[in-house]
Amino acid sequence: MPGRRGKGFTLFEAVISVALLAALVYLGSTSFLKMAPRYSLEKAVWEVRSALNAVRYRALFEGASYRVRFAGPAYSIERYDESAKEWVLAARTSLENVAIESNNTPVFTPEGTVTGLATIIVSNSWGSYKITLAITGRIKTARIR
């Protein structure tokens, strides 16, 4: 039976191959798990920034005032109802694995400006980003070290 030796793998070779594959998968998954908070944070920053731009344009096109309120991991968009003289909830979004803080509640006017400056901090275990909203409606994003 010396001729059959080269026609397959031994049990030992198969076990070693599976063990090496398991080690590679483990190393890859741990490095991916370390990067997950970073991607959650960047996604949340992008979403908040996009929401602020969208609200600004909605205020311009609809001719109504809108405001964005931040609380914990969520933000809500409210429209000012002129007839009822009150703010009405238009949308509410909750973000995963981040915390959002704001020093002001920005109100977007029908002229496209913002009443009051706003600094919004979006953070998690990976780090923090500061989103600054100017009176002109300009949005600036910077990573905080």
N, C-alpha and C. Protein backbone atom coordinates (compact mmCIF):
# COMPACT_ATOMS: atom_id res chain seq x y z
N MET A 1 0.79 -1.19 0.00
CA MET A 1 0.00 0.00 0.00
C MET A 1 0.84 1.27 0.00
N PRO A 2 2.05 1.22 -0.38
CA PRO A 2 2.83 2.45 -0.43
C PRO A 2 2.33 3.40 -1.52
N GLY A 3 1.62 2.93 -2.52
CA GLY A 3 1.13 3.77 -3.60
C GLY A 3 -0.05 4.64 -3.19
N ARG A 4 -0.78 4.30 -2.16
CA ARG A 4 -1.96 5.05 -1.71
C ARG A 4 -1.58 6.25 -0.86
N ARG A 5 -0.39 6.38 -0.41
CA ARG A 5 0.05 7.44 0.50
C ARG A 5 -0.16 8.83 -0.09
N GLY A 6 0.03 9.06 -1.38
CA GLY A 6 -0.05 10.38 -1.98
C GLY A 6 -1.43 10.76 -2.49
N LYS A 7 -2.49 10.02 -2.21
CA LYS A 7 -3.80 10.29 -2.78
C LYS A 7 -4.77 10.98 -1.83
N GLY A 8 -4.32 11.58 -0.75
CA GLY A 8 -5.23 12.24 0.17
C GLY A 8 -4.49 12.84 1.34
N PHE A 9 -5.27 13.39 2.26
CA PHE A 9 -4.72 14.01 3.46
C PHE A 9 -4.91 13.07 4.64
N THR A 10 -3.97 13.12 5.52
CA THR A 10 -4.12 12.35 6.75
C THR A 10 -5.00 13.14 7.70
N LEU A 11 -5.48 12.47 8.72
CA LEU A 11 -6.31 13.13 9.72
C LEU A 11 -5.53 14.24 10.41
N PHE A 12 -4.28 14.01 10.68
CA PHE A 12 -3.43 15.01 11.33
C PHE A 12 -3.30 16.26 10.46
N GLU A 13 -3.09 16.12 9.18
CA GLU A 13 -2.97 17.27 8.27
C GLU A 13 -4.28 18.06 8.20
N ALA A 14 -5.40 17.36 8.19
CA ALA A 14 -6.70 18.03 8.14
C ALA A 14 -6.96 18.82 9.42
N VAL A 15 -6.62 18.25 10.58
CA VAL A 15 -6.82 18.93 11.86
C VAL A 15 -5.94 20.17 11.93
N ILE A 16 -4.70 20.08 11.50
CA ILE A 16 -3.79 21.23 11.50
C ILE A 16 -4.34 22.33 10.58
N SER A 17 -4.84 21.98 9.41
CA SER A 17 -5.40 22.96 8.48
C SER A 17 -6.61 23.67 9.08
N VAL A 18 -7.50 22.92 9.71
CA VAL A 18 -8.68 23.52 10.33
C VAL A 18 -8.28 24.42 11.49
N ALA A 19 -7.29 24.02 12.28
CA ALA A 19 -6.82 24.85 13.40
C ALA A 19 -6.21 26.16 12.89
N LEU A 20 -5.43 26.12 11.82
CA LEU A 20 -4.87 27.33 11.25
C LEU A 20 -5.96 28.25 10.70
N LEU A 21 -6.94 27.69 10.05
CA LEU A 21 -8.05 28.47 9.52
C LEU A 21 -8.83 29.12 10.67
N ALA A 22 -9.07 28.39 11.74
CA ALA A 22 -9.79 28.95 12.90
C ALA A 22 -9.00 30.09 13.52
N ALA A 23 -7.67 29.96 13.62
CA ALA A 23 -6.85 31.03 14.17
C ALA A 23 -6.91 32.29 13.30
N LEU A 24 -6.90 32.13 12.00
CA LEU A 24 -7.00 33.28 11.09
C LEU A 24 -8.35 33.96 11.20
N VAL A 25 -9.41 33.19 11.29
CA VAL A 25 -10.75 33.77 11.44
C VAL A 25 -10.86 34.51 12.77
N TYR A 26 -10.31 33.95 13.83
CA TYR A 26 -10.34 34.60 15.15
C TYR A 26 -9.60 35.93 15.11
N LEU A 27 -8.41 35.96 14.54
CA LEU A 27 -7.64 37.20 14.46
C LEU A 27 -8.35 38.24 13.61
N GLY A 28 -8.95 37.82 12.52
CA GLY A 28 -9.69 38.75 11.67
C GLY A 28 -10.92 39.31 12.35
N SER A 29 -11.64 38.48 13.09
CA SER A 29 -12.86 38.96 13.75
C SER A 29 -12.55 39.90 14.90
N THR A 30 -11.48 39.67 15.65
CA THR A 30 -11.16 40.58 16.74
C THR A 30 -10.72 41.94 16.22
N SER A 31 -9.99 41.97 15.11
CA SER A 31 -9.59 43.26 14.56
C SER A 31 -10.81 43.99 13.99
N PHE A 32 -11.77 43.25 13.44
CA PHE A 32 -13.00 43.88 12.95
C PHE A 32 -13.82 44.43 14.11
N LEU A 33 -13.91 43.70 15.21
CA LEU A 33 -14.68 44.16 16.36
C LEU A 33 -14.08 45.42 16.97
N LYS A 34 -12.77 45.57 16.88
CA LYS A 34 -12.13 46.79 17.38
C LYS A 34 -12.49 47.99 16.51
N MET A 35 -12.79 47.75 15.24
CA MET A 35 -13.10 48.84 14.31
C MET A 35 -14.59 49.19 14.30
N ALA A 36 -15.45 48.35 14.83
CA ALA A 36 -16.89 48.59 14.79
C ALA A 36 -17.30 49.91 15.44
N PRO A 37 -16.78 50.30 16.62
CA PRO A 37 -17.17 51.59 17.18
C PRO A 37 -16.79 52.77 16.29
N ARG A 38 -15.67 52.66 15.61
CA ARG A 38 -15.26 53.74 14.71
C ARG A 38 -16.29 53.94 13.61
N TYR A 39 -16.71 52.84 12.99
CA TYR A 39 -17.66 52.95 11.89
C TYR A 39 -19.04 53.39 12.39
N SER A 40 -19.43 52.98 13.58
CA SER A 40 -20.70 53.46 14.15
C SER A 40 -20.66 54.96 14.36
N LEU A 41 -19.52 55.46 14.86
CA LEU A 41 -19.38 56.89 15.11
C LEU A 41 -19.40 57.67 13.80
N GLU A 42 -18.65 57.23 12.81
CA GLU A 42 -18.60 57.94 11.54
C GLU A 42 -19.96 57.91 10.83
N LYS A 43 -20.68 56.82 10.94
CA LYS A 43 -22.01 56.72 10.36
C LYS A 43 -22.96 57.71 11.05
N ALA A 44 -22.88 57.79 12.38
CA ALA A 44 -23.75 58.70 13.12
C ALA A 44 -23.45 60.17 12.77
N VAL A 45 -22.17 60.52 12.66
CA VAL A 45 -21.80 61.88 12.30
C VAL A 45 -22.34 62.22 10.91
N TRP A 46 -22.18 61.29 9.98
CA TRP A 46 -22.68 61.51 8.62
C TRP A 46 -24.20 61.69 8.64
N GLU A 47 -24.89 60.89 9.45
CA GLU A 47 -26.34 60.96 9.50
C GLU A 47 -26.83 62.27 10.10
N VAL A 48 -26.19 62.74 11.19
CA VAL A 48 -26.57 64.00 11.81
C VAL A 48 -26.32 65.16 10.84
N ARG A 49 -25.17 65.13 10.21
CA ARG A 49 -24.83 66.20 9.25
C ARG A 49 -25.83 66.21 8.08
N SER A 50 -26.17 65.05 7.57
CA SER A 50 -27.14 64.96 6.48
C SER A 50 -28.52 65.45 6.92
N ALA A 51 -28.91 65.12 8.14
CA ALA A 51 -30.21 65.56 8.65
C ALA A 51 -30.25 67.08 8.78
N LEU A 52 -29.17 67.69 9.25
CA LEU A 52 -29.13 69.15 9.37
C LEU A 52 -29.25 69.81 8.00
N ASN A 53 -28.55 69.28 7.00
CA ASN A 53 -28.66 69.82 5.65
C ASN A 53 -30.08 69.65 5.10
N ALA A 54 -30.66 68.49 5.32
CA ALA A 54 -32.01 68.22 4.82
C ALA A 54 -33.03 69.15 5.46
N VAL A 55 -32.89 69.37 6.76
CA VAL A 55 -33.82 70.25 7.46
C VAL A 55 -33.68 71.69 6.95
N ARG A 56 -32.47 72.10 6.71
CA ARG A 56 -32.25 73.46 6.18
C ARG A 56 -32.96 73.63 4.84
N TYR A 57 -32.82 72.65 3.95
CA TYR A 57 -33.47 72.75 2.65
C TYR A 57 -34.98 72.61 2.75
N ARG A 58 -35.46 71.83 3.67
CA ARG A 58 -36.92 71.73 3.87
C ARG A 58 -37.49 73.07 4.30
N ALA A 59 -36.77 73.75 5.20
CA ALA A 59 -37.22 75.07 5.66
C ALA A 59 -37.25 76.06 4.49
N LEU A 60 -36.24 76.00 3.65
CA LEU A 60 -36.20 76.89 2.48
C LEU A 60 -37.34 76.61 1.51
N PHE A 61 -37.51 75.35 1.14
CA PHE A 61 -38.48 74.99 0.11
C PHE A 61 -39.92 75.09 0.59
N GLU A 62 -40.16 74.76 1.86
CA GLU A 62 -41.52 74.78 2.38
C GLU A 62 -41.91 76.12 2.97
N GLY A 63 -40.94 76.98 3.20
CA GLY A 63 -41.23 78.30 3.77
C GLY A 63 -41.69 78.22 5.22
N ALA A 64 -41.18 77.26 5.96
CA ALA A 64 -41.57 77.08 7.36
C ALA A 64 -40.32 76.92 8.22
N SER A 65 -40.45 77.21 9.50
CA SER A 65 -39.33 77.04 10.42
C SER A 65 -39.27 75.60 10.91
N TYR A 66 -38.06 75.08 11.01
CA TYR A 66 -37.82 73.74 11.53
C TYR A 66 -36.76 73.83 12.61
N ARG A 67 -36.83 72.93 13.57
CA ARG A 67 -35.77 72.85 14.56
C ARG A 67 -35.37 71.39 14.76
N VAL A 68 -34.12 71.22 15.22
CA VAL A 68 -33.58 69.89 15.48
C VAL A 68 -33.21 69.83 16.96
N ARG A 69 -33.79 68.87 17.66
CA ARG A 69 -33.51 68.70 19.10
C ARG A 69 -32.75 67.41 19.30
N PHE A 70 -31.70 67.50 20.12
CA PHE A 70 -30.84 66.34 20.39
C PHE A 70 -31.02 65.91 21.83
N ALA A 71 -31.13 64.58 22.03
CA ALA A 71 -31.27 64.03 23.38
C ALA A 71 -30.73 62.60 23.38
N GLY A 72 -29.66 62.37 24.13
CA GLY A 72 -29.09 61.03 24.24
C GLY A 72 -28.61 60.53 22.90
N PRO A 73 -29.03 59.34 22.50
CA PRO A 73 -28.60 58.81 21.20
C PRO A 73 -29.58 59.14 20.07
N ALA A 74 -30.45 60.14 20.26
CA ALA A 74 -31.49 60.41 19.28
C ALA A 74 -31.60 61.90 18.98
N TYR A 75 -32.26 62.18 17.87
CA TYR A 75 -32.60 63.56 17.55
C TYR A 75 -33.99 63.58 16.94
N SER A 76 -34.66 64.71 17.11
CA SER A 76 -36.00 64.85 16.54
C SER A 76 -36.05 66.13 15.72
N ILE A 77 -36.84 66.07 14.66
CA ILE A 77 -37.05 67.21 13.77
C ILE A 77 -38.48 67.68 13.98
N GLU A 78 -38.62 68.98 14.26
CA GLU A 78 -39.94 69.54 14.53
C GLU A 78 -40.20 70.71 13.58
N ARG A 79 -41.45 70.81 13.14
CA ARG A 79 -41.87 71.89 12.25
C ARG A 79 -42.77 72.83 13.04
N TYR A 80 -42.58 74.13 12.82
CA TYR A 80 -43.42 75.10 13.52
C TYR A 80 -44.72 75.28 12.75
N ASP A 81 -45.82 75.01 13.45
CA ASP A 81 -47.16 75.15 12.87
C ASP A 81 -47.66 76.56 13.18
N GLU A 82 -47.75 77.40 12.17
CA GLU A 82 -48.16 78.80 12.36
C GLU A 82 -49.59 78.92 12.89
N SER A 83 -50.48 78.07 12.41
CA SER A 83 -51.88 78.18 12.83
C SER A 83 -52.06 77.79 14.30
N ALA A 84 -51.37 76.75 14.75
CA ALA A 84 -51.50 76.31 16.14
C ALA A 84 -50.49 76.98 17.05
N LYS A 85 -49.51 77.68 16.47
CA LYS A 85 -48.45 78.36 17.23
C LYS A 85 -47.71 77.39 18.16
N GLU A 86 -47.34 76.21 17.59
CA GLU A 86 -46.59 75.23 18.36
C GLU A 86 -45.71 74.38 17.45
N TRP A 87 -44.75 73.72 18.06
CA TRP A 87 -43.85 72.84 17.31
C TRP A 87 -44.48 71.46 17.21
N VAL A 88 -44.45 70.90 16.00
CA VAL A 88 -45.05 69.60 15.73
C VAL A 88 -43.94 68.64 15.29
N LEU A 89 -43.93 67.47 15.88
CA LEU A 89 -42.91 66.48 15.55
C LEU A 89 -43.06 66.02 14.10
N ALA A 90 -41.96 66.14 13.34
CA ALA A 90 -41.96 65.70 11.95
C ALA A 90 -41.25 64.36 11.79
N ALA A 91 -40.21 64.14 12.58
CA ALA A 91 -39.46 62.88 12.49
C ALA A 91 -38.61 62.72 13.75
N ARG A 92 -38.35 61.48 14.09
CA ARG A 92 -37.47 61.17 15.22
C ARG A 92 -36.59 60.00 14.81
N THR A 93 -35.29 60.16 15.06
CA THR A 93 -34.33 59.14 14.68
C THR A 93 -33.44 58.81 15.86
N SER A 94 -33.23 57.54 16.11
CA SER A 94 -32.35 57.08 17.17
C SER A 94 -31.12 56.44 16.51
N LEU A 95 -29.95 56.80 17.00
CA LEU A 95 -28.70 56.28 16.45
C LEU A 95 -28.12 55.25 17.41
N GLU A 96 -27.48 54.24 16.86
CA GLU A 96 -26.95 53.15 17.67
C GLU A 96 -25.51 53.42 18.10
N ASN A 97 -25.20 53.06 19.32
CA ASN A 97 -23.85 53.05 19.87
C ASN A 97 -23.18 54.42 19.92
N VAL A 98 -23.95 55.50 20.01
CA VAL A 98 -23.38 56.84 20.14
C VAL A 98 -24.21 57.66 21.12
N ALA A 99 -23.59 58.73 21.61
CA ALA A 99 -24.29 59.72 22.43
C ALA A 99 -24.18 61.06 21.72
N ILE A 100 -25.25 61.85 21.76
CA ILE A 100 -25.27 63.15 21.10
C ILE A 100 -25.58 64.21 22.14
N GLU A 101 -24.77 65.27 22.15
CA GLU A 101 -24.99 66.41 23.04
C GLU A 101 -24.98 67.67 22.20
N SER A 102 -25.79 68.64 22.59
CA SER A 102 -25.83 69.91 21.88
C SER A 102 -25.96 71.05 22.88
N ASN A 103 -25.29 72.16 22.59
CA ASN A 103 -25.39 73.31 23.49
C ASN A 103 -26.56 74.21 23.14
N ASN A 104 -27.24 73.92 22.03
CA ASN A 104 -28.32 74.77 21.56
C ASN A 104 -29.24 73.93 20.68
N THR A 105 -30.47 74.38 20.53
CA THR A 105 -31.40 73.75 19.61
C THR A 105 -31.48 74.63 18.38
N PRO A 106 -30.86 74.19 17.27
CA PRO A 106 -30.88 75.05 16.08
C PRO A 106 -32.26 75.11 15.44
N VAL A 107 -32.66 76.35 15.08
CA VAL A 107 -33.92 76.57 14.39
C VAL A 107 -33.59 77.12 13.00
N PHE A 108 -34.03 76.39 11.98
CA PHE A 108 -33.79 76.80 10.60
C PHE A 108 -34.98 77.63 10.14
N THR A 109 -34.69 78.82 9.64
CA THR A 109 -35.74 79.74 9.19
C THR A 109 -36.02 79.53 7.71
N PRO A 110 -37.16 80.04 7.22
CA PRO A 110 -37.47 79.91 5.79
C PRO A 110 -36.46 80.63 4.88
N GLU A 111 -35.66 81.52 5.44
CA GLU A 111 -34.64 82.22 4.65
C GLU A 111 -33.37 81.39 4.49
N GLY A 112 -33.28 80.26 5.17
CA GLY A 112 -32.11 79.39 5.07
C GLY A 112 -31.05 79.65 6.13
N THR A 113 -31.35 80.53 7.06
CA THR A 113 -30.40 80.81 8.14
C THR A 113 -30.79 80.02 9.38
N VAL A 114 -29.91 80.11 10.39
CA VAL A 114 -30.15 79.41 11.64
C VAL A 114 -30.17 80.43 12.76
N THR A 115 -31.15 80.33 13.64
CA THR A 115 -31.18 81.24 14.79
C THR A 115 -30.32 80.63 15.88
N GLY A 116 -29.23 81.27 16.18
CA GLY A 116 -28.31 80.79 17.22
C GLY A 116 -27.31 79.79 16.69
N LEU A 117 -26.12 79.86 17.24
CA LEU A 117 -25.07 78.90 16.89
C LEU A 117 -25.33 77.60 17.62
N ALA A 118 -24.85 76.52 17.06
CA ALA A 118 -25.00 75.22 17.72
C ALA A 118 -23.71 74.43 17.58
N THR A 119 -23.30 73.82 18.67
CA THR A 119 -22.19 72.88 18.65
C THR A 119 -22.73 71.54 19.12
N ILE A 120 -22.57 70.54 18.28
CA ILE A 120 -23.10 69.21 18.55
C ILE A 120 -21.93 68.26 18.68
N ILE A 121 -21.89 67.51 19.77
CA ILE A 121 -20.84 66.52 20.01
C ILE A 121 -21.45 65.13 19.86
N VAL A 122 -20.86 64.36 18.96
CA VAL A 122 -21.28 62.96 18.76
C VAL A 122 -20.11 62.10 19.22
N SER A 123 -20.35 61.19 20.17
CA SER A 123 -19.24 60.42 20.74
C SER A 123 -19.64 58.99 21.05
N ASN A 124 -18.61 58.16 21.15
CA ASN A 124 -18.75 56.79 21.64
C ASN A 124 -17.40 56.35 22.17
N SER A 125 -17.19 55.05 22.36
CA SER A 125 -15.95 54.55 22.95
C SER A 125 -14.74 54.78 22.06
N TRP A 126 -14.93 54.99 20.78
CA TRP A 126 -13.80 55.19 19.87
C TRP A 126 -13.30 56.62 19.88
N GLY A 127 -14.20 57.60 20.10
CA GLY A 127 -13.79 59.00 20.08
C GLY A 127 -14.99 59.92 19.99
N SER A 128 -14.71 61.17 19.54
CA SER A 128 -15.75 62.18 19.45
C SER A 128 -15.56 63.03 18.20
N TYR A 129 -16.68 63.54 17.71
CA TYR A 129 -16.67 64.51 16.63
C TYR A 129 -17.47 65.72 17.07
N LYS A 130 -17.02 66.89 16.63
CA LYS A 130 -17.73 68.14 16.92
C LYS A 130 -18.30 68.65 15.61
N ILE A 131 -19.60 68.89 15.59
CA ILE A 131 -20.28 69.45 14.43
C ILE A 131 -20.68 70.87 14.82
N THR A 132 -20.19 71.84 14.08
CA THR A 132 -20.49 73.24 14.36
C THR A 132 -21.43 73.77 13.30
N LEU A 133 -22.50 74.40 13.74
CA LEU A 133 -23.50 74.95 12.84
C LEU A 133 -23.48 76.47 12.98
N ALA A 134 -23.13 77.16 11.90
CA ALA A 134 -23.06 78.62 11.90
C ALA A 134 -24.42 79.23 11.62
N ILE A 135 -24.56 80.52 11.88
CA ILE A 135 -25.83 81.21 11.66
C ILE A 135 -26.22 81.18 10.18
N THR A 136 -25.23 81.16 9.31
CA THR A 136 -25.51 81.13 7.86
C THR A 136 -26.00 79.77 7.39
N GLY A 137 -25.92 78.75 8.24
CA GLY A 137 -26.34 77.40 7.86
C GLY A 137 -25.16 76.51 7.50
N ARG A 138 -23.95 77.06 7.53
CA ARG A 138 -22.76 76.27 7.19
C ARG A 138 -22.49 75.24 8.29
N ILE A 139 -22.15 74.03 7.89
CA ILE A 139 -21.89 72.94 8.82
C ILE A 139 -20.43 72.54 8.70
N LYS A 140 -19.74 72.50 9.83
CA LYS A 140 -18.33 72.11 9.85
C LYS A 140 -18.17 70.94 10.82
N THR A 141 -17.42 69.92 10.39
CA THR A 141 -17.21 68.74 11.22
C THR A 141 -15.72 68.59 11.51
N ALA A 142 -15.38 68.29 12.77
CA ALA A 142 -13.99 68.08 13.15
C ALA A 142 -13.93 66.96 14.19
N ARG A 143 -12.88 66.15 14.08
CA ARG A 143 -12.68 65.09 15.06
C ARG A 143 -12.00 65.67 16.29
N ILE A 144 -12.47 65.31 17.46
CA ILE A 144 -11.88 65.76 18.72
C ILE A 144 -10.96 64.67 19.22
N ARG A 145 -9.77 64.99 19.55
CA ARG A 145 -8.81 64.00 20.06
C ARG A 145 -8.89 63.86 21.55
